[in-house]
Amino acid sequence: MPQTRRTLRMLPHEDEVLRTLYRELNIPTDQYPQRPEDLIHLVTSWNNLTARNESGPDVLHYMITRRKKGKWEKLGREAGGEFIRPRLEFSEEELSHLDSIHEELQIASDNFALNVDLATKLQQEFGKRSGRIVPSMILAAEMINRRKAGSLATLKPKSKDQDLGFSDINEVAG
């Protein structure tokens, strides 16, 4: 099971620069996995203005984490312009493979777009099962879209320390 990813820490002025660029580009966070050139443009501009050197997935993770906590602004329905999502057609069998991978790995769909290692794992596993090589960001975007459409199974709840059963063999005997 992958470890929880740490979110970037930003100074208030760095966060404000990122928010300003986000508003200027007018692209919702959910579209960036499908628009890698725009993500590169956002992150390169932000890195240049803040003298930082962060990666696209790390900056996107920062924005999405904030959005999920209600601490990131929404751009509205008109955001993203005339963008039409690039679409590869998937057969029902291929979608079944994608759903199975999601259930077996127990990883939230956004993470496949935010983590290069997980994206590679998704691409390799999908390739093994389907015999088709598809770019990892396209697979991640399809998985996100399926989650939003309610087509993916809900992930199992994470276990808590008190749910781990016996932590000491003496507790079993006693």
N, C-alpha and C. Protein backbone atom coordinates (compact mmCIF):
# COMPACT_ATOMS: atom_id res chain seq x y z
N MET A 1 0.84 -1.18 0.00
CA MET A 1 0.00 0.00 0.00
C MET A 1 0.89 1.24 0.00
N PRO A 2 0.65 2.20 -0.90
CA PRO A 2 1.49 3.38 -0.95
C PRO A 2 1.30 4.25 0.29
N GLN A 3 2.37 4.94 0.63
CA GLN A 3 2.31 5.83 1.77
C GLN A 3 1.59 7.11 1.37
N THR A 4 1.05 7.80 2.37
CA THR A 4 0.39 9.07 2.11
C THR A 4 1.42 10.07 1.62
N ARG A 5 1.07 10.75 0.57
CA ARG A 5 1.97 11.71 -0.05
C ARG A 5 1.93 13.02 0.72
N ARG A 6 3.09 13.60 0.95
CA ARG A 6 3.15 14.89 1.62
C ARG A 6 2.89 15.99 0.61
N THR A 7 2.10 16.94 1.01
CA THR A 7 1.77 18.08 0.17
C THR A 7 2.86 19.13 0.28
N LEU A 8 3.10 19.82 -0.82
CA LEU A 8 4.07 20.92 -0.82
C LEU A 8 3.71 21.93 0.26
N ARG A 9 4.71 22.55 0.80
CA ARG A 9 4.50 23.67 1.71
C ARG A 9 4.89 24.93 0.95
N MET A 10 4.02 25.92 1.04
CA MET A 10 4.27 27.18 0.34
C MET A 10 4.14 28.34 1.30
N LEU A 11 4.93 29.35 1.04
CA LEU A 11 4.77 30.61 1.75
C LEU A 11 3.51 31.29 1.19
N PRO A 12 2.90 32.15 1.98
CA PRO A 12 1.66 32.79 1.51
C PRO A 12 1.79 33.48 0.15
N HIS A 13 2.90 34.14 -0.11
CA HIS A 13 3.04 34.82 -1.40
C HIS A 13 3.20 33.81 -2.55
N GLU A 14 3.79 32.64 -2.29
CA GLU A 14 3.91 31.61 -3.32
C GLU A 14 2.53 31.04 -3.66
N ASP A 15 1.73 30.82 -2.63
CA ASP A 15 0.38 30.33 -2.83
C ASP A 15 -0.42 31.36 -3.63
N GLU A 16 -0.27 32.62 -3.32
CA GLU A 16 -1.02 33.67 -4.02
C GLU A 16 -0.61 33.76 -5.49
N VAL A 17 0.67 33.59 -5.78
CA VAL A 17 1.13 33.59 -7.18
C VAL A 17 0.50 32.41 -7.93
N LEU A 18 0.47 31.24 -7.30
CA LEU A 18 -0.13 30.07 -7.94
C LEU A 18 -1.62 30.30 -8.19
N ARG A 19 -2.32 30.86 -7.23
CA ARG A 19 -3.75 31.14 -7.39
C ARG A 19 -3.99 32.16 -8.51
N THR A 20 -3.13 33.15 -8.60
CA THR A 20 -3.26 34.16 -9.65
C THR A 20 -3.08 33.52 -11.03
N LEU A 21 -2.05 32.69 -11.17
CA LEU A 21 -1.83 31.99 -12.44
C LEU A 21 -3.01 31.06 -12.76
N TYR A 22 -3.50 30.39 -11.75
CA TYR A 22 -4.64 29.47 -11.92
C TYR A 22 -5.85 30.23 -12.46
N ARG A 23 -6.14 31.39 -11.88
CA ARG A 23 -7.27 32.19 -12.36
C ARG A 23 -7.02 32.70 -13.78
N GLU A 24 -5.79 33.15 -14.04
CA GLU A 24 -5.46 33.67 -15.38
C GLU A 24 -5.61 32.60 -16.46
N LEU A 25 -5.12 31.40 -16.19
CA LEU A 25 -5.22 30.33 -17.18
C LEU A 25 -6.64 29.79 -17.29
N ASN A 26 -7.41 29.91 -16.20
CA ASN A 26 -8.82 29.54 -16.21
C ASN A 26 -9.05 28.08 -16.61
N ILE A 27 -8.22 27.20 -16.07
CA ILE A 27 -8.34 25.76 -16.33
C ILE A 27 -8.59 25.06 -15.00
N PRO A 28 -9.69 24.35 -14.87
CA PRO A 28 -9.99 23.65 -13.61
C PRO A 28 -8.93 22.58 -13.30
N THR A 29 -8.73 22.33 -12.03
CA THR A 29 -7.71 21.34 -11.62
C THR A 29 -7.96 19.98 -12.25
N ASP A 30 -9.22 19.58 -12.41
CA ASP A 30 -9.53 18.27 -12.97
C ASP A 30 -9.14 18.13 -14.44
N GLN A 31 -8.95 19.24 -15.14
CA GLN A 31 -8.58 19.15 -16.55
C GLN A 31 -7.08 19.02 -16.76
N TYR A 32 -6.28 19.38 -15.78
CA TYR A 32 -4.82 19.35 -15.98
C TYR A 32 -4.25 17.97 -16.33
N PRO A 33 -4.76 16.87 -15.75
CA PRO A 33 -4.21 15.57 -16.19
C PRO A 33 -4.42 15.30 -17.67
N GLN A 34 -5.45 15.90 -18.25
CA GLN A 34 -5.74 15.71 -19.67
C GLN A 34 -5.10 16.80 -20.54
N ARG A 35 -4.47 17.76 -19.89
CA ARG A 35 -3.86 18.89 -20.58
C ARG A 35 -2.42 19.08 -20.09
N PRO A 36 -1.54 18.12 -20.34
CA PRO A 36 -0.19 18.18 -19.77
C PRO A 36 0.60 19.42 -20.20
N GLU A 37 0.40 19.91 -21.42
CA GLU A 37 1.13 21.11 -21.85
C GLU A 37 0.73 22.32 -21.02
N ASP A 38 -0.57 22.41 -20.70
CA ASP A 38 -1.04 23.52 -19.87
C ASP A 38 -0.51 23.42 -18.45
N LEU A 39 -0.41 22.19 -17.92
CA LEU A 39 0.16 22.00 -16.59
C LEU A 39 1.63 22.42 -16.59
N ILE A 40 2.37 22.04 -17.62
CA ILE A 40 3.78 22.44 -17.72
C ILE A 40 3.88 23.96 -17.75
N HIS A 41 3.01 24.61 -18.52
CA HIS A 41 3.02 26.07 -18.60
C HIS A 41 2.74 26.71 -17.24
N LEU A 42 1.73 26.21 -16.53
CA LEU A 42 1.40 26.73 -15.20
C LEU A 42 2.58 26.58 -14.25
N VAL A 43 3.13 25.37 -14.18
CA VAL A 43 4.19 25.08 -13.21
C VAL A 43 5.48 25.82 -13.57
N THR A 44 5.83 25.88 -14.85
CA THR A 44 7.03 26.61 -15.26
C THR A 44 6.90 28.09 -14.92
N SER A 45 5.75 28.66 -15.20
CA SER A 45 5.52 30.07 -14.87
C SER A 45 5.62 30.29 -13.37
N TRP A 46 4.98 29.43 -12.60
CA TRP A 46 5.01 29.56 -11.15
C TRP A 46 6.43 29.39 -10.60
N ASN A 47 7.15 28.36 -11.09
CA ASN A 47 8.54 28.16 -10.65
C ASN A 47 9.38 29.39 -10.96
N ASN A 48 9.22 29.97 -12.14
CA ASN A 48 10.00 31.16 -12.51
C ASN A 48 9.68 32.36 -11.63
N LEU A 49 8.44 32.52 -11.28
CA LEU A 49 8.03 33.67 -10.47
C LEU A 49 8.37 33.52 -8.99
N THR A 50 8.54 32.29 -8.54
CA THR A 50 8.79 32.04 -7.11
C THR A 50 10.20 31.54 -6.82
N ALA A 51 11.00 31.33 -7.85
CA ALA A 51 12.36 30.79 -7.70
C ALA A 51 12.34 29.40 -7.06
N ARG A 52 11.31 28.64 -7.34
CA ARG A 52 11.22 27.26 -6.87
C ARG A 52 11.45 26.34 -8.05
N ASN A 53 11.54 25.04 -7.78
CA ASN A 53 11.76 24.06 -8.82
C ASN A 53 10.92 22.82 -8.54
N GLU A 54 9.61 22.99 -8.57
CA GLU A 54 8.69 21.89 -8.24
C GLU A 54 8.21 21.20 -9.52
N SER A 55 7.76 19.98 -9.38
CA SER A 55 7.27 19.21 -10.53
C SER A 55 5.78 19.47 -10.74
N GLY A 56 5.32 19.19 -11.95
CA GLY A 56 3.91 19.34 -12.28
C GLY A 56 3.01 18.53 -11.37
N PRO A 57 3.29 17.22 -11.19
CA PRO A 57 2.43 16.42 -10.31
C PRO A 57 2.39 16.95 -8.87
N ASP A 58 3.51 17.47 -8.38
CA ASP A 58 3.51 17.99 -7.00
C ASP A 58 2.66 19.24 -6.86
N VAL A 59 2.74 20.14 -7.84
CA VAL A 59 1.94 21.37 -7.79
C VAL A 59 0.46 21.03 -7.98
N LEU A 60 0.17 20.12 -8.89
CA LEU A 60 -1.22 19.71 -9.10
C LEU A 60 -1.77 19.04 -7.84
N HIS A 61 -0.97 18.23 -7.20
CA HIS A 61 -1.38 17.59 -5.94
C HIS A 61 -1.72 18.65 -4.89
N TYR A 62 -0.91 19.69 -4.81
CA TYR A 62 -1.15 20.80 -3.88
C TYR A 62 -2.53 21.41 -4.14
N MET A 63 -2.80 21.72 -5.41
CA MET A 63 -4.07 22.37 -5.76
C MET A 63 -5.26 21.44 -5.49
N ILE A 64 -5.14 20.19 -5.87
CA ILE A 64 -6.25 19.25 -5.68
C ILE A 64 -6.50 18.99 -4.20
N THR A 65 -5.44 18.88 -3.43
CA THR A 65 -5.60 18.68 -1.98
C THR A 65 -6.32 19.86 -1.36
N ARG A 66 -5.95 21.06 -1.75
CA ARG A 66 -6.62 22.26 -1.25
C ARG A 66 -8.10 22.27 -1.68
N ARG A 67 -8.34 21.90 -2.94
CA ARG A 67 -9.71 21.90 -3.45
C ARG A 67 -10.59 20.94 -2.65
N LYS A 68 -10.05 19.76 -2.37
CA LYS A 68 -10.82 18.75 -1.63
C LYS A 68 -11.11 19.19 -0.20
N LYS A 69 -10.27 20.07 0.34
CA LYS A 69 -10.50 20.59 1.70
C LYS A 69 -11.33 21.87 1.68
N GLY A 70 -11.78 22.28 0.50
CA GLY A 70 -12.58 23.50 0.39
C GLY A 70 -11.75 24.76 0.50
N LYS A 71 -10.45 24.66 0.28
CA LYS A 71 -9.56 25.81 0.42
C LYS A 71 -8.97 26.25 -0.92
N TRP A 72 -9.63 25.89 -2.00
CA TRP A 72 -9.17 26.29 -3.34
C TRP A 72 -10.38 26.79 -4.09
N GLU A 73 -10.21 27.88 -4.77
CA GLU A 73 -11.37 28.49 -5.44
C GLU A 73 -11.85 27.69 -6.64
N LYS A 74 -13.13 27.86 -6.93
CA LYS A 74 -13.73 27.22 -8.09
C LYS A 74 -13.79 28.25 -9.19
N LEU A 75 -13.58 27.81 -10.41
CA LEU A 75 -13.54 28.73 -11.54
C LEU A 75 -14.90 28.91 -12.22
N GLY A 76 -15.82 28.02 -12.00
CA GLY A 76 -17.13 28.14 -12.62
C GLY A 76 -17.28 27.24 -13.83
N ARG A 77 -18.49 27.12 -14.30
CA ARG A 77 -18.82 26.20 -15.39
C ARG A 77 -18.16 26.55 -16.71
N GLU A 78 -17.88 27.81 -16.94
CA GLU A 78 -17.30 28.23 -18.21
C GLU A 78 -15.78 28.04 -18.26
N ALA A 79 -15.19 27.66 -17.14
CA ALA A 79 -13.73 27.50 -17.08
C ALA A 79 -13.27 26.39 -18.02
N GLY A 80 -12.09 26.53 -18.51
CA GLY A 80 -11.50 25.52 -19.37
C GLY A 80 -11.71 25.81 -20.84
N GLY A 81 -12.49 26.84 -21.12
CA GLY A 81 -12.69 27.26 -22.51
C GLY A 81 -13.35 26.20 -23.36
N GLU A 82 -12.90 26.14 -24.57
CA GLU A 82 -13.48 25.24 -25.57
C GLU A 82 -12.82 23.86 -25.53
N PHE A 83 -12.19 23.54 -24.43
CA PHE A 83 -11.44 22.28 -24.34
C PHE A 83 -12.37 21.09 -24.54
N ILE A 84 -11.96 20.23 -25.43
CA ILE A 84 -12.66 18.96 -25.63
C ILE A 84 -11.68 17.86 -25.24
N ARG A 85 -12.10 17.08 -24.29
CA ARG A 85 -11.24 16.03 -23.74
C ARG A 85 -10.84 15.05 -24.83
N PRO A 86 -9.51 14.80 -24.97
CA PRO A 86 -9.11 13.78 -25.94
C PRO A 86 -9.69 12.44 -25.51
N ARG A 87 -10.25 11.75 -26.43
CA ARG A 87 -10.97 10.54 -26.06
C ARG A 87 -10.47 9.35 -26.86
N LEU A 88 -10.04 8.37 -26.16
CA LEU A 88 -9.76 7.07 -26.75
C LEU A 88 -10.95 6.20 -26.42
N GLU A 89 -11.35 5.41 -27.33
CA GLU A 89 -12.46 4.50 -27.06
C GLU A 89 -11.93 3.26 -26.34
N PHE A 90 -12.62 2.87 -25.31
CA PHE A 90 -12.28 1.67 -24.56
C PHE A 90 -13.43 0.68 -24.71
N SER A 91 -13.08 -0.58 -24.91
CA SER A 91 -14.11 -1.62 -24.97
C SER A 91 -14.62 -1.88 -23.56
N GLU A 92 -15.74 -2.57 -23.47
CA GLU A 92 -16.28 -2.93 -22.16
C GLU A 92 -15.28 -3.79 -21.38
N GLU A 93 -14.59 -4.67 -22.09
CA GLU A 93 -13.59 -5.52 -21.44
C GLU A 93 -12.44 -4.68 -20.88
N GLU A 94 -11.99 -3.69 -21.65
CA GLU A 94 -10.90 -2.82 -21.19
C GLU A 94 -11.34 -1.98 -19.98
N LEU A 95 -12.58 -1.50 -20.00
CA LEU A 95 -13.10 -0.75 -18.85
C LEU A 95 -13.19 -1.66 -17.63
N SER A 96 -13.53 -2.91 -17.85
CA SER A 96 -13.57 -3.88 -16.76
C SER A 96 -12.18 -4.08 -16.17
N HIS A 97 -11.16 -4.12 -17.03
CA HIS A 97 -9.77 -4.23 -16.55
C HIS A 97 -9.40 -3.01 -15.71
N LEU A 98 -9.77 -1.83 -16.19
CA LEU A 98 -9.47 -0.60 -15.47
C LEU A 98 -10.14 -0.60 -14.10
N ASP A 99 -11.40 -1.02 -14.06
CA ASP A 99 -12.13 -1.09 -12.79
C ASP A 99 -11.48 -2.11 -11.84
N SER A 100 -11.06 -3.24 -12.38
CA SER A 100 -10.42 -4.27 -11.56
C SER A 100 -9.10 -3.78 -10.98
N ILE A 101 -8.34 -3.07 -11.78
CA ILE A 101 -7.06 -2.53 -11.30
C ILE A 101 -7.32 -1.57 -10.14
N HIS A 102 -8.32 -0.71 -10.29
CA HIS A 102 -8.69 0.24 -9.24
C HIS A 102 -9.03 -0.49 -7.94
N GLU A 103 -9.85 -1.53 -8.05
CA GLU A 103 -10.27 -2.27 -6.86
C GLU A 103 -9.12 -3.04 -6.22
N GLU A 104 -8.28 -3.65 -7.04
CA GLU A 104 -7.17 -4.44 -6.50
C GLU A 104 -6.10 -3.58 -5.85
N LEU A 105 -5.76 -2.45 -6.48
CA LEU A 105 -4.70 -1.60 -5.94
C LEU A 105 -5.18 -0.74 -4.78
N GLN A 106 -6.50 -0.49 -4.71
CA GLN A 106 -7.07 0.33 -3.63
C GLN A 106 -6.38 1.70 -3.54
N ILE A 107 -6.25 2.35 -4.70
CA ILE A 107 -5.63 3.67 -4.78
C ILE A 107 -6.65 4.62 -5.38
N ALA A 108 -6.84 5.77 -4.75
CA ALA A 108 -7.79 6.76 -5.24
C ALA A 108 -7.41 7.19 -6.66
N SER A 109 -8.41 7.37 -7.50
CA SER A 109 -8.18 7.63 -8.93
C SER A 109 -7.30 8.85 -9.19
N ASP A 110 -7.45 9.93 -8.41
CA ASP A 110 -6.63 11.13 -8.62
C ASP A 110 -5.14 10.84 -8.50
N ASN A 111 -4.80 9.89 -7.64
CA ASN A 111 -3.38 9.60 -7.39
C ASN A 111 -2.65 9.09 -8.64
N PHE A 112 -3.37 8.46 -9.56
CA PHE A 112 -2.72 7.97 -10.77
C PHE A 112 -2.28 9.13 -11.67
N ALA A 113 -2.95 10.28 -11.54
CA ALA A 113 -2.56 11.46 -12.32
C ALA A 113 -1.51 12.28 -11.59
N LEU A 114 -1.35 12.05 -10.29
CA LEU A 114 -0.47 12.89 -9.48
C LEU A 114 0.86 12.23 -9.13
N ASN A 115 0.98 10.95 -9.38
CA ASN A 115 2.18 10.22 -8.97
C ASN A 115 2.71 9.42 -10.15
N VAL A 116 3.92 9.75 -10.58
CA VAL A 116 4.50 9.13 -11.77
C VAL A 116 4.65 7.62 -11.59
N ASP A 117 5.06 7.18 -10.41
CA ASP A 117 5.24 5.74 -10.17
C ASP A 117 3.91 4.99 -10.25
N LEU A 118 2.87 5.58 -9.66
CA LEU A 118 1.55 4.94 -9.72
C LEU A 118 1.01 4.95 -11.15
N ALA A 119 1.25 6.04 -11.88
CA ALA A 119 0.80 6.11 -13.27
C ALA A 119 1.47 5.03 -14.11
N THR A 120 2.75 4.82 -13.89
CA THR A 120 3.48 3.78 -14.61
C THR A 120 2.94 2.40 -14.26
N LYS A 121 2.66 2.19 -12.98
CA LYS A 121 2.09 0.91 -12.53
C LYS A 121 0.74 0.67 -13.19
N LEU A 122 -0.10 1.71 -13.25
CA LEU A 122 -1.40 1.60 -13.89
C LEU A 122 -1.25 1.24 -15.37
N GLN A 123 -0.35 1.92 -16.05
CA GLN A 123 -0.14 1.68 -17.47
C GLN A 123 0.35 0.26 -17.72
N GLN A 124 1.30 -0.19 -16.93
CA GLN A 124 1.84 -1.54 -17.10
C GLN A 124 0.79 -2.60 -16.81
N GLU A 125 0.03 -2.41 -15.75
CA GLU A 125 -0.99 -3.40 -15.39
C GLU A 125 -2.09 -3.44 -16.44
N PHE A 126 -2.50 -2.28 -16.92
CA PHE A 126 -3.52 -2.24 -17.97
C PHE A 126 -3.00 -2.92 -19.24
N GLY A 127 -1.73 -2.67 -19.58
CA GLY A 127 -1.13 -3.28 -20.76
C GLY A 127 -1.09 -4.79 -20.66
N LYS A 128 -0.74 -5.30 -19.47
CA LYS A 128 -0.69 -6.76 -19.27
C LYS A 128 -2.06 -7.39 -19.46
N ARG A 129 -3.06 -6.75 -18.91
CA ARG A 129 -4.40 -7.32 -18.92
C ARG A 129 -5.10 -7.16 -20.27
N SER A 130 -4.88 -6.02 -20.91
CA SER A 130 -5.64 -5.73 -22.14
C SER A 130 -4.84 -5.99 -23.42
N GLY A 131 -3.50 -6.01 -23.29
CA GLY A 131 -2.66 -6.15 -24.47
C GLY A 131 -2.57 -4.85 -25.26
N ARG A 132 -2.97 -3.75 -24.66
CA ARG A 132 -2.98 -2.45 -25.32
C ARG A 132 -2.17 -1.45 -24.51
N ILE A 133 -1.31 -0.71 -25.19
CA ILE A 133 -0.52 0.32 -24.53
C ILE A 133 -1.24 1.65 -24.71
N VAL A 134 -1.60 2.27 -23.59
CA VAL A 134 -2.30 3.55 -23.58
C VAL A 134 -1.51 4.48 -22.67
N PRO A 135 -1.32 5.74 -23.06
CA PRO A 135 -0.60 6.68 -22.19
C PRO A 135 -1.21 6.73 -20.79
N SER A 136 -0.35 6.78 -19.79
CA SER A 136 -0.81 6.70 -18.41
C SER A 136 -1.77 7.83 -18.04
N MET A 137 -1.56 9.03 -18.56
CA MET A 137 -2.45 10.15 -18.23
C MET A 137 -3.84 9.93 -18.82
N ILE A 138 -3.92 9.28 -19.97
CA ILE A 138 -5.23 8.97 -20.56
C ILE A 138 -5.96 7.96 -19.67
N LEU A 139 -5.22 6.95 -19.19
CA LEU A 139 -5.82 5.96 -18.30
C LEU A 139 -6.26 6.62 -16.98
N ALA A 140 -5.40 7.49 -16.44
CA ALA A 140 -5.75 8.18 -15.20
C ALA A 140 -6.99 9.04 -15.40
N ALA A 141 -7.04 9.77 -16.51
CA ALA A 141 -8.20 10.62 -16.79
C ALA A 141 -9.47 9.78 -16.93
N GLU A 142 -9.37 8.65 -17.60
CA GLU A 142 -10.54 7.78 -17.75
C GLU A 142 -10.99 7.24 -16.40
N MET A 143 -10.03 6.90 -15.55
CA MET A 143 -10.38 6.40 -14.23
C MET A 143 -11.08 7.50 -13.42
N ILE A 144 -10.57 8.72 -13.49
CA ILE A 144 -11.20 9.85 -12.79
C ILE A 144 -12.62 10.07 -13.31
N ASN A 145 -12.78 10.03 -14.62
CA ASN A 145 -14.11 10.21 -15.21
C ASN A 145 -15.07 9.10 -14.78
N ARG A 146 -14.57 7.88 -14.69
CA ARG A 146 -15.42 6.76 -14.26
C ARG A 146 -15.81 6.93 -12.79
N ARG A 147 -14.88 7.43 -11.98
CA ARG A 147 -15.21 7.68 -10.56
C ARG A 147 -16.30 8.74 -10.47
N LYS A 148 -16.14 9.82 -11.22
CA LYS A 148 -17.13 10.89 -11.18
C LYS A 148 -18.50 10.43 -11.68
N ALA A 149 -18.50 9.50 -12.60
CA ALA A 149 -19.76 8.97 -13.14
C ALA A 149 -20.36 7.90 -12.23
N GLY A 150 -19.65 7.55 -11.16
CA GLY A 150 -20.15 6.54 -10.23
C GLY A 150 -19.94 5.11 -10.70
N SER A 151 -19.03 4.91 -11.66
CA SER A 151 -18.79 3.58 -12.21
C SER A 151 -17.74 2.78 -11.47
N LEU A 152 -16.94 3.42 -10.63
CA LEU A 152 -15.91 2.71 -9.89
C LEU A 152 -16.42 2.32 -8.51
N ALA A 153 -15.96 1.19 -8.05
CA ALA A 153 -16.31 0.75 -6.69
C ALA A 153 -15.68 1.68 -5.68
N THR A 154 -16.35 1.81 -4.54
CA THR A 154 -15.81 2.62 -3.46
C THR A 154 -14.64 1.87 -2.84
N LEU A 155 -13.57 2.60 -2.54
CA LEU A 155 -12.41 1.97 -1.93
C LEU A 155 -12.74 1.52 -0.51
N LYS A 156 -12.06 0.47 -0.07
CA LYS A 156 -12.26 -0.03 1.28
C LYS A 156 -11.74 1.01 2.26
N PRO A 157 -12.41 1.16 3.40
CA PRO A 157 -11.91 2.13 4.39
C PRO A 157 -10.54 1.70 4.92
N LYS A 158 -9.72 2.68 5.20
CA LYS A 158 -8.39 2.39 5.75
C LYS A 158 -8.55 1.92 7.18
N SER A 159 -7.72 0.94 7.55
CA SER A 159 -7.82 0.41 8.91
C SER A 159 -7.24 1.41 9.90
N LYS A 160 -7.81 1.40 11.07
CA LYS A 160 -7.34 2.24 12.17
C LYS A 160 -6.52 1.37 13.11
N ASP A 161 -5.71 2.00 13.94
CA ASP A 161 -4.88 1.22 14.87
C ASP A 161 -5.71 0.27 15.71
N GLN A 162 -6.89 0.73 16.17
CA GLN A 162 -7.71 -0.14 17.01
C GLN A 162 -8.34 -1.28 16.23
N ASP A 163 -8.31 -1.22 14.92
CA ASP A 163 -8.91 -2.27 14.09
C ASP A 163 -7.90 -3.34 13.69
N LEU A 164 -6.68 -3.26 14.14
CA LEU A 164 -5.64 -4.15 13.69
C LEU A 164 -5.64 -5.50 14.39
N GLY A 165 -6.53 -5.71 15.33
CA GLY A 165 -6.55 -6.98 16.04
C GLY A 165 -5.53 -6.98 17.15
N PHE A 166 -5.00 -8.15 17.43
CA PHE A 166 -4.03 -8.28 18.52
C PHE A 166 -2.67 -7.74 18.09
N SER A 167 -2.09 -6.94 18.95
CA SER A 167 -0.77 -6.40 18.65
C SER A 167 0.31 -7.14 19.41
N ASP A 168 -0.09 -7.96 20.35
CA ASP A 168 0.87 -8.69 21.17
C ASP A 168 0.37 -10.12 21.31
N ILE A 169 1.22 -11.09 21.10
CA ILE A 169 0.83 -12.50 21.20
C ILE A 169 0.32 -12.86 22.60
N ASN A 170 0.78 -12.13 23.61
CA ASN A 170 0.29 -12.39 24.97
C ASN A 170 -1.18 -12.07 25.11
N GLU A 171 -1.69 -11.13 24.29
CA GLU A 171 -3.11 -10.79 24.35
C GLU A 171 -3.96 -11.97 23.85
N VAL A 172 -3.42 -12.73 22.92
CA VAL A 172 -4.16 -13.87 22.38
C VAL A 172 -4.30 -14.93 23.47
N ALA A 173 -3.22 -15.21 24.19
CA ALA A 173 -3.22 -16.24 25.21
C ALA A 173 -4.06 -15.84 26.41
N GLY A 174 -4.15 -14.54 26.67
CA GLY A 174 -4.85 -14.05 27.87
C GLY A 174 -6.26 -13.86 27.64
